[in-house]
Amino acid sequence: MTTEALTYVDITSGSDEIATTSVTILSGEDLAAAVPIGQVTLSGKFVECDPDATNGSQTPKYITAQAIDATGGDVKAQVYKSGTFDTAQIAFHANFTAAEKLLAFVGTPISLQTQAAAL
């Protein structure tokens, strides 16, 4: 008998309902799970959110629900559109400051807070 071990990382930190939506990840992106993504204004497609960008993707809109490899072309993927997530588990782009991380999803259905206890 073969035994398989699965590792589950829980990035949630609250009791808010989690919801996902389908988006198109722009060709060339190779994203880990729990990465904030922003929408490129001209194409409507999503890329890793970089606060220094000037193409619309500087504003975080969603969070990747799993790793997404779009290096071979555009990819449709499910992403988190609402819920409460552990700030420490979110893989922010290196250009985010501490203050920008705190304010990243203000005004959206995504909330960030430190996980109070292990589940």
PDB file of N, CA and C in Angstrom:
ATOM      1  N   MET A   1       0.833  -1.172   0.000  1.00  0.00           N
ATOM      2  CA  MET A   1       0.000   0.000   0.000  1.00  0.00           C
ATOM      3  C   MET A   1       0.883   1.243   0.000  1.00  0.00           C
ATOM      4  N   THR A   2       0.552   2.186  -0.853  1.00  0.00           N
ATOM      5  CA  THR A   2       1.276   3.436  -0.925  1.00  0.00           C
ATOM      6  C   THR A   2       0.555   4.489  -0.101  1.00  0.00           C
ATOM      7  N   THR A   3       1.301   5.216   0.699  1.00  0.00           N
ATOM      8  CA  THR A   3       0.734   6.296   1.495  1.00  0.00           C
ATOM      9  C   THR A   3       1.218   7.615   0.925  1.00  0.00           C
ATOM     10  N   GLU A   4       0.304   8.522   0.741  1.00  0.00           N
ATOM     11  CA  GLU A   4       0.651   9.826   0.205  1.00  0.00           C
ATOM     12  C   GLU A   4       0.401  10.878   1.267  1.00  0.00           C
ATOM     13  N   ALA A   5       1.364  11.752   1.482  1.00  0.00           N
ATOM     14  CA  ALA A   5       1.219  12.841   2.448  1.00  0.00           C
ATOM     15  C   ALA A   5       0.867  14.115   1.710  1.00  0.00           C
ATOM     16  N   LEU A   6      -0.143  14.778   2.170  1.00  0.00           N
ATOM     17  CA  LEU A   6      -0.554  16.042   1.575  1.00  0.00           C
ATOM     18  C   LEU A   6      -0.292  17.169   2.555  1.00  0.00           C
ATOM     19  N   THR A   7       0.222  18.257   2.058  1.00  0.00           N
ATOM     20  CA  THR A   7       0.456  19.422   2.887  1.00  0.00           C
ATOM     21  C   THR A   7      -0.598  20.463   2.541  1.00  0.00           C
ATOM     22  N   TYR A   8      -1.311  20.906   3.552  1.00  0.00           N
ATOM     23  CA  TYR A   8      -2.357  21.904   3.361  1.00  0.00           C
ATOM     24  C   TYR A   8      -1.953  23.177   4.082  1.00  0.00           C
ATOM     25  N   VAL A   9      -1.835  24.255   3.356  1.00  0.00           N
ATOM     26  CA  VAL A   9      -1.504  25.540   3.943  1.00  0.00           C
ATOM     27  C   VAL A   9      -2.777  26.368   3.965  1.00  0.00           C
ATOM     28  N   ASP A  10      -3.214  26.716   5.163  1.00  0.00           N
ATOM     29  CA  ASP A  10      -4.430  27.498   5.318  1.00  0.00           C
ATOM     30  C   ASP A  10      -4.062  28.973   5.401  1.00  0.00           C
ATOM     31  N   ILE A  11      -4.421  29.733   4.383  1.00  0.00           N
ATOM     32  CA  ILE A  11      -4.088  31.160   4.371  1.00  0.00           C
ATOM     33  C   ILE A  11      -5.224  32.010   4.915  1.00  0.00           C
ATOM     34  N   THR A  12      -6.319  31.370   5.338  1.00  0.00           N
ATOM     35  CA  THR A  12      -7.436  32.148   5.875  1.00  0.00           C
ATOM     36  C   THR A  12      -7.150  32.555   7.308  1.00  0.00           C
ATOM     37  N   SER A  13      -7.815  33.622   7.748  1.00  0.00           N
ATOM     38  CA  SER A  13      -7.619  34.082   9.126  1.00  0.00           C
ATOM     39  C   SER A  13      -8.899  34.657   9.713  1.00  0.00           C
ATOM     40  N   GLY A  14     -10.008  34.303   9.159  1.00  0.00           N
ATOM     41  CA  GLY A  14     -11.278  34.804   9.673  1.00  0.00           C
ATOM     42  C   GLY A  14     -12.404  33.899   9.257  1.00  0.00           C
ATOM     43  N   SER A  15     -13.605  34.301   9.609  1.00  0.00           N
ATOM     44  CA  SER A  15     -14.764  33.460   9.321  1.00  0.00           C
ATOM     45  C   SER A  15     -15.578  33.972   8.134  1.00  0.00           C
ATOM     46  N   ASP A  16     -15.071  34.961   7.430  1.00  0.00           N
ATOM     47  CA  ASP A  16     -15.778  35.463   6.258  1.00  0.00           C
ATOM     48  C   ASP A  16     -15.836  34.395   5.172  1.00  0.00           C
ATOM     49  N   GLU A  17     -16.919  34.408   4.411  1.00  0.00           N
ATOM     50  CA  GLU A  17     -17.056  33.460   3.312  1.00  0.00           C
ATOM     51  C   GLU A  17     -15.987  33.720   2.260  1.00  0.00           C
ATOM     52  N   ILE A  18     -15.405  32.636   1.764  1.00  0.00           N
ATOM     53  CA  ILE A  18     -14.404  32.733   0.706  1.00  0.00           C
ATOM     54  C   ILE A  18     -15.104  32.463  -0.619  1.00  0.00           C
ATOM     55  N   ALA A  19     -14.827  33.300  -1.604  1.00  0.00           N
ATOM     56  CA  ALA A  19     -15.396  33.108  -2.935  1.00  0.00           C
ATOM     57  C   ALA A  19     -14.287  33.250  -3.960  1.00  0.00           C
ATOM     58  N   THR A  20     -14.447  32.538  -5.078  1.00  0.00           N
ATOM     59  CA  THR A  20     -13.477  32.609  -6.161  1.00  0.00           C
ATOM     60  C   THR A  20     -14.163  33.085  -7.430  1.00  0.00           C
ATOM     61  N   THR A  21     -13.347  33.468  -8.387  1.00  0.00           N
ATOM     62  CA  THR A  21     -13.830  33.836  -9.707  1.00  0.00           C
ATOM     63  C   THR A  21     -12.791  33.402 -10.732  1.00  0.00           C
ATOM     64  N   SER A  22     -13.193  33.325 -11.976  1.00  0.00           N
ATOM     65  CA  SER A  22     -12.288  32.931 -13.048  1.00  0.00           C
ATOM     66  C   SER A  22     -11.747  34.174 -13.740  1.00  0.00           C
ATOM     67  N   VAL A  23     -10.428  34.215 -13.926  1.00  0.00           N
ATOM     68  CA  VAL A  23      -9.780  35.331 -14.618  1.00  0.00           C
ATOM     69  C   VAL A  23      -8.779  34.774 -15.628  1.00  0.00           C
ATOM     70  N   THR A  24      -8.303  35.640 -16.500  1.00  0.00           N
ATOM     71  CA  THR A  24      -7.245  35.272 -17.441  1.00  0.00           C
ATOM     72  C   THR A  24      -5.929  35.856 -16.947  1.00  0.00           C
ATOM     73  N   ILE A  25      -4.954  34.979 -16.728  1.00  0.00           N
ATOM     74  CA  ILE A  25      -3.602  35.391 -16.338  1.00  0.00           C
ATOM     75  C   ILE A  25      -2.823  35.628 -17.625  1.00  0.00           C
ATOM     76  N   LEU A  26      -2.187  36.786 -17.721  1.00  0.00           N
ATOM     77  CA  LEU A  26      -1.460  37.197 -18.918  1.00  0.00           C
ATOM     78  C   LEU A  26      -0.262  36.277 -19.197  1.00  0.00           C
ATOM     79  N   SER A  27      -0.072  35.973 -20.446  1.00  0.00           N
ATOM     80  CA  SER A  27       1.051  35.160 -20.896  1.00  0.00           C
ATOM     81  C   SER A  27       2.367  35.723 -20.349  1.00  0.00           C
ATOM     82  N   GLY A  28       3.215  34.822 -19.881  1.00  0.00           N
ATOM     83  CA  GLY A  28       4.518  35.221 -19.349  1.00  0.00           C
ATOM     84  C   GLY A  28       4.571  35.188 -17.834  1.00  0.00           C
ATOM     85  N   GLU A  29       3.426  35.151 -17.170  1.00  0.00           N
ATOM     86  CA  GLU A  29       3.391  35.145 -15.714  1.00  0.00           C
ATOM     87  C   GLU A  29       3.624  33.733 -15.177  1.00  0.00           C
ATOM     88  N   ASP A  30       4.362  33.629 -14.083  1.00  0.00           N
ATOM     89  CA  ASP A  30       4.564  32.375 -13.365  1.00  0.00           C
ATOM     90  C   ASP A  30       4.363  32.710 -11.896  1.00  0.00           C
ATOM     91  N   LEU A  31       3.157  32.482 -11.401  1.00  0.00           N
ATOM     92  CA  LEU A  31       2.754  32.961 -10.090  1.00  0.00           C
ATOM     93  C   LEU A  31       2.657  31.838  -9.070  1.00  0.00           C
ATOM     94  N   ALA A  32       3.105  32.115  -7.866  1.00  0.00           N
ATOM     95  CA  ALA A  32       2.930  31.183  -6.754  1.00  0.00           C
ATOM     96  C   ALA A  32       1.505  31.311  -6.229  1.00  0.00           C
ATOM     97  N   ALA A  33       1.128  30.451  -5.322  1.00  0.00           N
ATOM     98  CA  ALA A  33      -0.156  30.591  -4.641  1.00  0.00           C
ATOM     99  C   ALA A  33      -0.084  31.799  -3.704  1.00  0.00           C
ATOM    100  N   ALA A  34      -1.214  32.416  -3.435  1.00  0.00           N
ATOM    101  CA  ALA A  34      -1.355  33.533  -2.482  1.00  0.00           C
ATOM    102  C   ALA A  34      -0.666  34.820  -2.925  1.00  0.00           C
ATOM    103  N   VAL A  35      -0.608  35.048  -4.230  1.00  0.00           N
ATOM    104  CA  VAL A  35      -0.003  36.270  -4.781  1.00  0.00           C
ATOM    105  C   VAL A  35      -1.113  37.255  -5.139  1.00  0.00           C
ATOM    106  N   PRO A  36      -1.020  38.501  -4.655  1.00  0.00           N
ATOM    107  CA  PRO A  36      -1.980  39.514  -5.096  1.00  0.00           C
ATOM    108  C   PRO A  36      -1.786  39.799  -6.591  1.00  0.00           C
ATOM    109  N   ILE A  37      -2.894  39.897  -7.304  1.00  0.00           N
ATOM    110  CA  ILE A  37      -2.822  40.194  -8.735  1.00  0.00           C
ATOM    111  C   ILE A  37      -3.637  41.439  -9.046  1.00  0.00           C
ATOM    112  N   GLY A  38      -3.198  42.140 -10.081  1.00  0.00           N
ATOM    113  CA  GLY A  38      -3.884  43.334 -10.540  1.00  0.00           C
ATOM    114  C   GLY A  38      -4.232  43.185 -12.009  1.00  0.00           C
ATOM    115  N   GLN A  39      -5.159  44.017 -12.454  1.00  0.00           N
ATOM    116  CA  GLN A  39      -5.667  43.917 -13.825  1.00  0.00           C
ATOM    117  C   GLN A  39      -5.022  44.972 -14.720  1.00  0.00           C
ATOM    118  N   VAL A  40      -4.438  44.508 -15.826  1.00  0.00           N
ATOM    119  CA  VAL A  40      -3.856  45.409 -16.816  1.00  0.00           C
ATOM    120  C   VAL A  40      -5.024  46.086 -17.547  1.00  0.00           C
ATOM    121  N   THR A  41      -5.061  47.393 -17.511  1.00  0.00           N
ATOM    122  CA  THR A  41      -6.196  48.144 -18.051  1.00  0.00           C
ATOM    123  C   THR A  41      -6.437  47.861 -19.530  1.00  0.00           C
ATOM    124  N   LEU A  42      -5.403  47.871 -20.352  1.00  0.00           N
ATOM    125  CA  LEU A  42      -5.584  47.723 -21.800  1.00  0.00           C
ATOM    126  C   LEU A  42      -6.073  46.349 -22.226  1.00  0.00           C
ATOM    127  N   SER A  43      -5.617  45.289 -21.549  1.00  0.00           N
ATOM    128  CA  SER A  43      -5.981  43.927 -21.967  1.00  0.00           C
ATOM    129  C   SER A  43      -7.087  43.311 -21.121  1.00  0.00           C
ATOM    130  N   GLY A  44      -7.250  43.796 -19.880  1.00  0.00           N
ATOM    131  CA  GLY A  44      -8.205  43.196 -18.965  1.00  0.00           C
ATOM    132  C   GLY A  44      -7.686  41.922 -18.327  1.00  0.00           C
ATOM    133  N   LYS A  45      -6.450  41.547 -18.634  1.00  0.00           N
ATOM    134  CA  LYS A  45      -5.847  40.333 -18.083  1.00  0.00           C
ATOM    135  C   LYS A  45      -5.095  40.664 -16.796  1.00  0.00           C
ATOM    136  N   PHE A  46      -4.758  39.622 -16.034  1.00  0.00           N
ATOM    137  CA  PHE A  46      -4.179  39.822 -14.712  1.00  0.00           C
ATOM    138  C   PHE A  46      -2.715  39.404 -14.655  1.00  0.00           C
ATOM    139  N   VAL A  47      -1.951  40.158 -13.838  1.00  0.00           N
ATOM    140  CA  VAL A  47      -0.534  39.909 -13.598  1.00  0.00           C
ATOM    141  C   VAL A  47      -0.262  40.120 -12.113  1.00  0.00           C
ATOM    142  N   GLU A  48       0.937  39.729 -11.685  1.00  0.00           N
ATOM    143  CA  GLU A  48       1.317  39.995 -10.301  1.00  0.00           C
ATOM    144  C   GLU A  48       1.215  41.496 -10.041  1.00  0.00           C
ATOM    145  N   CYS A  49       0.602  41.842  -8.930  1.00  0.00           N
ATOM    146  CA  CYS A  49       0.433  43.243  -8.576  1.00  0.00           C
ATOM    147  C   CYS A  49       1.762  43.826  -8.108  1.00  0.00           C
ATOM    148  N   ASP A  50       2.182  44.900  -8.763  1.00  0.00           N
ATOM    149  CA  ASP A  50       3.401  45.624  -8.406  1.00  0.00           C
ATOM    150  C   ASP A  50       2.980  47.064  -8.141  1.00  0.00           C
ATOM    151  N   PRO A  51       3.145  47.565  -6.915  1.00  0.00           N
ATOM    152  CA  PRO A  51       2.698  48.919  -6.606  1.00  0.00           C
ATOM    153  C   PRO A  51       3.396  50.002  -7.429  1.00  0.00           C
ATOM    154  N   ASP A  52       4.511  49.661  -8.070  1.00  0.00           N
ATOM    155  CA  ASP A  52       5.235  50.623  -8.898  1.00  0.00           C
ATOM    156  C   ASP A  52       4.788  50.598 -10.366  1.00  0.00           C
ATOM    157  N   ALA A  53       3.886  49.700 -10.724  1.00  0.00           N
ATOM    158  CA  ALA A  53       3.394  49.612 -12.110  1.00  0.00           C
ATOM    159  C   ALA A  53       2.534  50.834 -12.426  1.00  0.00           C
ATOM    160  N   THR A  54       2.328  51.078 -13.711  1.00  0.00           N
ATOM    161  CA  THR A  54       1.510  52.221 -14.140  1.00  0.00           C
ATOM    162  C   THR A  54       0.471  51.809 -15.186  1.00  0.00           C
ATOM    163  N   ASN A  55       0.205  50.500 -15.276  1.00  0.00           N
ATOM    164  CA  ASN A  55      -0.702  49.991 -16.305  1.00  0.00           C
ATOM    165  C   ASN A  55      -2.039  49.495 -15.745  1.00  0.00           C
ATOM    166  N   GLY A  56      -2.327  49.848 -14.497  1.00  0.00           N
ATOM    167  CA  GLY A  56      -3.547  49.395 -13.847  1.00  0.00           C
ATOM    168  C   GLY A  56      -3.301  48.256 -12.880  1.00  0.00           C
ATOM    169  N   SER A  57      -2.246  47.484 -13.113  1.00  0.00           N
ATOM    170  CA  SER A  57      -1.982  46.317 -12.266  1.00  0.00           C
ATOM    171  C   SER A  57      -1.356  46.681 -10.923  1.00  0.00           C
ATOM    172  N   GLN A  58      -1.146  47.972 -10.677  1.00  0.00           N
ATOM    173  CA  GLN A  58      -0.587  48.406  -9.398  1.00  0.00           C
ATOM    174  C   GLN A  58      -1.613  48.311  -8.256  1.00  0.00           C
ATOM    175  N   THR A  59      -2.871  48.125  -8.590  1.00  0.00           N
ATOM    176  CA  THR A  59      -3.936  48.006  -7.594  1.00  0.00           C
ATOM    177  C   THR A  59      -4.320  46.537  -7.439  1.00  0.00           C
ATOM    178  N   PRO A  60      -4.106  45.963  -6.254  1.00  0.00           N
ATOM    179  CA  PRO A  60      -4.452  44.554  -6.079  1.00  0.00           C
ATOM    180  C   PRO A  60      -5.953  44.341  -6.106  1.00  0.00           C
ATOM    181  N   LYS A  61      -6.385  43.344  -6.863  1.00  0.00           N
ATOM    182  CA  LYS A  61      -7.812  43.066  -6.989  1.00  0.00           C
ATOM    183  C   LYS A  61      -8.170  41.693  -6.434  1.00  0.00           C
ATOM    184  N   TYR A  62      -7.348  40.683  -6.711  1.00  0.00           N
ATOM    185  CA  TYR A  62      -7.610  39.311  -6.297  1.00  0.00           C
ATOM    186  C   TYR A  62      -6.329  38.690  -5.758  1.00  0.00           C
ATOM    187  N   ILE A  63      -6.447  37.445  -5.262  1.00  0.00           N
ATOM    188  CA  ILE A  63      -5.300  36.679  -4.768  1.00  0.00           C
ATOM    189  C   ILE A  63      -5.325  35.315  -5.443  1.00  0.00           C
ATOM    190  N   THR A  64      -4.165  34.867  -5.917  1.00  0.00           N
ATOM    191  CA  THR A  64      -4.121  33.556  -6.566  1.00  0.00           C
ATOM    192  C   THR A  64      -4.463  32.466  -5.547  1.00  0.00           C
ATOM    193  N   ALA A  65      -5.283  31.513  -5.971  1.00  0.00           N
ATOM    194  CA  ALA A  65      -5.705  30.417  -5.091  1.00  0.00           C
ATOM    195  C   ALA A  65      -4.745  29.231  -5.164  1.00  0.00           C
ATOM    196  N   GLN A  66      -3.932  29.194  -6.202  1.00  0.00           N
ATOM    197  CA  GLN A  66      -2.937  28.142  -6.385  1.00  0.00           C
ATOM    198  C   GLN A  66      -1.843  28.700  -7.290  1.00  0.00           C
ATOM    199  N   ALA A  67      -0.757  27.953  -7.446  1.00  0.00           N
ATOM    200  CA  ALA A  67       0.290  28.381  -8.372  1.00  0.00           C
ATOM    201  C   ALA A  67      -0.280  28.359  -9.791  1.00  0.00           C
ATOM    202  N   ILE A  68       0.132  29.342 -10.600  1.00  0.00           N
ATOM    203  CA  ILE A  68      -0.374  29.466 -11.968  1.00  0.00           C
ATOM    204  C   ILE A  68       0.806  29.706 -12.898  1.00  0.00           C
ATOM    205  N   ASP A  69       0.997  28.806 -13.853  1.00  0.00           N
ATOM    206  CA  ASP A  69       2.079  28.929 -14.818  1.00  0.00           C
ATOM    207  C   ASP A  69       1.497  29.332 -16.166  1.00  0.00           C
ATOM    208  N   ALA A  70       1.675  30.599 -16.510  1.00  0.00           N
ATOM    209  CA  ALA A  70       1.199  31.115 -17.796  1.00  0.00           C
ATOM    210  C   ALA A  70       2.383  31.439 -18.704  1.00  0.00           C
ATOM    211  N   THR A  71       3.527  30.809 -18.476  1.00  0.00           N
ATOM    212  CA  THR A  71       4.702  31.118 -19.284  1.00  0.00           C
ATOM    213  C   THR A  71       4.533  30.681 -20.738  1.00  0.00           C
ATOM    214  N   GLY A  72       3.614  29.752 -20.983  1.00  0.00           N
ATOM    215  CA  GLY A  72       3.389  29.272 -22.347  1.00  0.00           C
ATOM    216  C   GLY A  72       2.221  29.934 -23.050  1.00  0.00           C
ATOM    217  N   GLY A  73       1.571  30.871 -22.400  1.00  0.00           N
ATOM    218  CA  GLY A  73       0.410  31.544 -22.985  1.00  0.00           C
ATOM    219  C   GLY A  73      -0.601  31.897 -21.909  1.00  0.00           C
ATOM    220  N   ASP A  74      -1.596  32.692 -22.282  1.00  0.00           N
ATOM    221  CA  ASP A  74      -2.635  33.080 -21.337  1.00  0.00           C
ATOM    222  C   ASP A  74      -3.262  31.838 -20.711  1.00  0.00           C
ATOM    223  N   VAL A  75      -3.640  31.939 -19.434  1.00  0.00           N
ATOM    224  CA  VAL A  75      -4.237  30.815 -18.707  1.00  0.00           C
ATOM    225  C   VAL A  75      -5.460  31.308 -17.947  1.00  0.00           C
ATOM    226  N   LYS A  76      -6.559  30.565 -18.047  1.00  0.00           N
ATOM    227  CA  LYS A  76      -7.734  30.817 -17.214  1.00  0.00           C
ATOM    228  C   LYS A  76      -7.482  30.167 -15.862  1.00  0.00           C
ATOM    229  N   ALA A  77      -7.791  30.874 -14.776  1.00  0.00           N
ATOM    230  CA  ALA A  77      -7.543  30.335 -13.442  1.00  0.00           C
ATOM    231  C   ALA A  77      -8.575  30.859 -12.453  1.00  0.00           C
ATOM    232  N   GLN A  78      -8.840  30.055 -11.429  1.00  0.00           N
ATOM    233  CA  GLN A  78      -9.695  30.476 -10.323  1.00  0.00           C
ATOM    234  C   GLN A  78      -8.834  31.233  -9.325  1.00  0.00           C
ATOM    235  N   VAL A  79      -9.321  32.377  -8.862  1.00  0.00           N
ATOM    236  CA  VAL A  79      -8.609  33.198  -7.885  1.00  0.00           C
ATOM    237  C   VAL A  79      -9.580  33.617  -6.792  1.00  0.00           C
ATOM    238  N   TYR A  80      -9.037  33.950  -5.622  1.00  0.00           N
ATOM    239  CA  TYR A  80      -9.873  34.430  -4.529  1.00  0.00           C
ATOM    240  C   TYR A  80     -10.351  35.851  -4.824  1.00  0.00           C
ATOM    241  N   LYS A  81     -11.669  36.059  -4.704  1.00  0.00           N
ATOM    242  CA  LYS A  81     -12.214  37.407  -4.876  1.00  0.00           C
ATOM    243  C   LYS A  81     -12.772  37.972  -3.577  1.00  0.00           C
ATOM    244  N   SER A  82     -12.919  37.121  -2.550  1.00  0.00           N
ATOM    245  CA  SER A  82     -13.362  37.612  -1.246  1.00  0.00           C
ATOM    246  C   SER A  82     -12.956  36.635  -0.159  1.00  0.00           C
ATOM    247  N   GLY A  83     -12.869  37.158   1.059  1.00  0.00           N
ATOM    248  CA  GLY A  83     -12.508  36.363   2.222  1.00  0.00           C
ATOM    249  C   GLY A  83     -11.530  37.125   3.096  1.00  0.00           C
ATOM    250  N   THR A  84     -11.196  36.530   4.228  1.00  0.00           N
ATOM    251  CA  THR A  84     -10.215  37.115   5.138  1.00  0.00           C
ATOM    252  C   THR A  84      -9.003  36.199   5.159  1.00  0.00           C
ATOM    253  N   PHE A  85      -7.840  36.789   4.892  1.00  0.00           N
ATOM    254  CA  PHE A  85      -6.616  36.009   4.717  1.00  0.00           C
ATOM    255  C   PHE A  85      -5.519  36.506   5.652  1.00  0.00           C
ATOM    256  N   ASP A  86      -4.623  35.592   6.012  1.00  0.00           N
ATOM    257  CA  ASP A  86      -3.504  35.883   6.908  1.00  0.00           C
ATOM    258  C   ASP A  86      -2.452  36.706   6.170  1.00  0.00           C
ATOM    259  N   THR A  87      -2.210  37.884   6.658  1.00  0.00           N
ATOM    260  CA  THR A  87      -1.254  38.799   6.024  1.00  0.00           C
ATOM    261  C   THR A  87       0.109  38.131   5.818  1.00  0.00           C
ATOM    262  N   ALA A  88       0.553  37.349   6.790  1.00  0.00           N
ATOM    263  CA  ALA A  88       1.872  36.709   6.713  1.00  0.00           C
ATOM    264  C   ALA A  88       1.948  35.650   5.616  1.00  0.00           C
ATOM    265  N   GLN A  89       0.800  35.140   5.164  1.00  0.00           N
ATOM    266  CA  GLN A  89       0.785  34.097   4.144  1.00  0.00           C
ATOM    267  C   GLN A  89       0.683  34.654   2.721  1.00  0.00           C
ATOM    268  N   ILE A  90       0.457  35.963   2.593  1.00  0.00           N
ATOM    269  CA  ILE A  90       0.293  36.573   1.273  1.00  0.00           C
ATOM    270  C   ILE A  90       1.672  36.886   0.695  1.00  0.00           C
ATOM    271  N   ALA A  91       1.898  36.463  -0.539  1.00  0.00           N
ATOM    272  CA  ALA A  91       3.201  36.620  -1.201  1.00  0.00           C
ATOM    273  C   ALA A  91       3.231  37.927  -1.998  1.00  0.00           C
ATOM    274  N   PHE A  92       3.382  39.029  -1.289  1.00  0.00           N
ATOM    275  CA  PHE A  92       3.430  40.345  -1.927  1.00  0.00           C
ATOM    276  C   PHE A  92       4.692  40.516  -2.770  1.00  0.00           C
ATOM    277  N   HIS A  93       4.569  41.269  -3.858  1.00  0.00           N
ATOM    278  CA  HIS A  93       5.715  41.666  -4.678  1.00  0.00           C
ATOM    279  C   HIS A  93       6.710  42.409  -3.788  1.00  0.00           C
ATOM    280  N   ALA A  94       7.987  42.277  -4.065  1.00  0.00           N
ATOM    281  CA  ALA A  94       9.049  42.889  -3.255  1.00  0.00           C
ATOM    282  C   ALA A  94       8.927  44.407  -3.155  1.00  0.00           C
ATOM    283  N   ASN A  95       8.256  45.062  -4.118  1.00  0.00           N
ATOM    284  CA  ASN A  95       8.144  46.519  -4.088  1.00  0.00           C
ATOM    285  C   ASN A  95       7.092  47.033  -3.106  1.00  0.00           C
ATOM    286  N   PHE A  96       6.283  46.161  -2.502  1.00  0.00           N
ATOM    287  CA  PHE A  96       5.288  46.601  -1.523  1.00  0.00           C
ATOM    288  C   PHE A  96       5.974  47.010  -0.231  1.00  0.00           C
ATOM    289  N   THR A  97       5.629  48.187   0.283  1.00  0.00           N
ATOM    290  CA  THR A  97       6.109  48.613   1.595  1.00  0.00           C
ATOM    291  C   THR A  97       5.173  48.030   2.654  1.00  0.00           C
ATOM    292  N   ALA A  98       5.567  48.116   3.914  1.00  0.00           N
ATOM    293  CA  ALA A  98       4.721  47.625   5.004  1.00  0.00           C
ATOM    294  C   ALA A  98       3.370  48.349   5.002  1.00  0.00           C
ATOM    295  N   ALA A  99       3.384  49.652   4.786  1.00  0.00           N
ATOM    296  CA  ALA A  99       2.138  50.430   4.757  1.00  0.00           C
ATOM    297  C   ALA A  99       1.260  50.022   3.579  1.00  0.00           C
ATOM    298  N   GLU A 100       1.856  49.795   2.413  1.00  0.00           N
ATOM    299  CA  GLU A 100       1.082  49.384   1.236  1.00  0.00           C
ATOM    300  C   GLU A 100       0.447  48.007   1.446  1.00  0.00           C
ATOM    301  N   LYS A 101       1.139  47.137   2.165  1.00  0.00           N
ATOM    302  CA  LYS A 101       0.567  45.817   2.457  1.00  0.00           C
ATOM    303  C   LYS A 101      -0.670  45.961   3.335  1.00  0.00           C
ATOM    304  N   LEU A 102      -0.597  46.821   4.344  1.00  0.00           N
ATOM    305  CA  LEU A 102      -1.736  47.028   5.242  1.00  0.00           C
ATOM    306  C   LEU A 102      -2.953  47.576   4.504  1.00  0.00           C
ATOM    307  N   LEU A 103      -2.725  48.401   3.507  1.00  0.00           N
ATOM    308  CA  LEU A 103      -3.809  49.072   2.788  1.00  0.00           C
ATOM    309  C   LEU A 103      -4.184  48.398   1.472  1.00  0.00           C
ATOM    310  N   ALA A 104      -3.530  47.300   1.149  1.00  0.00           N
ATOM    311  CA  ALA A 104      -3.650  46.692  -0.175  1.00  0.00           C
ATOM    312  C   ALA A 104      -5.081  46.434  -0.636  1.00  0.00           C
ATOM    313  N   PHE A 105      -5.924  45.902   0.207  1.00  0.00           N
ATOM    314  CA  PHE A 105      -7.256  45.496  -0.240  1.00  0.00           C
ATOM    315  C   PHE A 105      -8.386  46.316   0.387  1.00  0.00           C
ATOM    316  N   VAL A 106      -8.051  47.473   0.951  1.00  0.00           N
ATOM    317  CA  VAL A 106      -9.083  48.333   1.543  1.00  0.00           C
ATOM    318  C   VAL A 106     -10.099  48.692   0.464  1.00  0.00           C
ATOM    319  N   GLY A 107     -11.385  48.555   0.808  1.00  0.00           N
ATOM    320  CA  GLY A 107     -12.450  48.871  -0.137  1.00  0.00           C
ATOM    321  C   GLY A 107     -12.845  47.714  -1.034  1.00  0.00           C
ATOM    322  N   THR A 108     -12.240  46.541  -0.816  1.00  0.00           N
ATOM    323  CA  THR A 108     -12.583  45.356  -1.599  1.00  0.00           C
ATOM    324  C   THR A 108     -13.165  44.304  -0.654  1.00  0.00           C
ATOM    325  N   PRO A 109     -13.723  43.233  -1.189  1.00  0.00           N
ATOM    326  CA  PRO A 109     -14.236  42.162  -0.322  1.00  0.00           C
ATOM    327  C   PRO A 109     -13.154  41.257   0.263  1.00  0.00           C
ATOM    328  N   ILE A 110     -11.885  41.611   0.056  1.00  0.00           N
ATOM    329  CA  ILE A 110     -10.775  40.864   0.645  1.00  0.00           C
ATOM    330  C   ILE A 110     -10.267  41.637   1.852  1.00  0.00           C
ATOM    331  N   SER A 111     -10.125  40.929   2.982  1.00  0.00           N
ATOM    332  CA  SER A 111      -9.575  41.513   4.204  1.00  0.00           C
ATOM    333  C   SER A 111      -8.309  40.766   4.576  1.00  0.00           C
ATOM    334  N   LEU A 112      -7.374  41.481   5.180  1.00  0.00           N
ATOM    335  CA  LEU A 112      -6.142  40.876   5.644  1.00  0.00           C
ATOM    336  C   LEU A 112      -6.037  41.085   7.154  1.00  0.00           C
ATOM    337  N   GLN A 113      -5.709  40.020   7.860  1.00  0.00           N
ATOM    338  CA  GLN A 113      -5.461  40.118   9.310  1.00  0.00           C
ATOM    339  C   GLN A 113      -4.551  38.969   9.714  1.00  0.00           C
ATOM    340  N   THR A 114      -3.818  39.167  10.797  1.00  0.00           N
ATOM    341  CA  THR A 114      -2.937  38.122  11.290  1.00  0.00           C
ATOM    342  C   THR A 114      -3.788  36.975  11.824  1.00  0.00           C
ATOM    343  N   GLN A 115      -3.360  35.754  11.546  1.00  0.00           N
ATOM    344  CA  GLN A 115      -4.061  34.578  12.031  1.00  0.00           C
ATOM    345  C   GLN A 115      -3.923  34.508  13.535  1.00  0.00           C
ATOM    346  N   ALA A 116      -5.045  34.430  14.242  1.00  0.00           N
ATOM    347  CA  ALA A 116      -5.031  34.448  15.709  1.00  0.00           C
ATOM    348  C   ALA A 116      -4.552  33.148  16.316  1.00  0.00           C
ATOM    349  N   ALA A 117      -4.901  32.034  15.720  1.00  0.00           N
ATOM    350  CA  ALA A 117      -4.503  30.732  16.269  1.00  0.00           C
ATOM    351  C   ALA A 117      -4.457  29.716  15.150  1.00  0.00           C
ATOM    352  N   ALA A 118      -3.686  28.698  15.340  1.00  0.00           N
ATOM    353  CA  ALA A 118      -3.628  27.626  14.337  1.00  0.00           C
ATOM    354  C   ALA A 118      -4.958  26.896  14.325  1.00  0.00           C
ATOM    355  N   LEU A 119      -5.385  26.528  13.134  1.00  0.00           N
ATOM    356  CA  LEU A 119      -6.655  25.820  12.999  1.00  0.00           C
ATOM    357  C   LEU A 119      -6.464  24.335  13.134  1.00  0.00           C
TER     358      LEU A 119
END
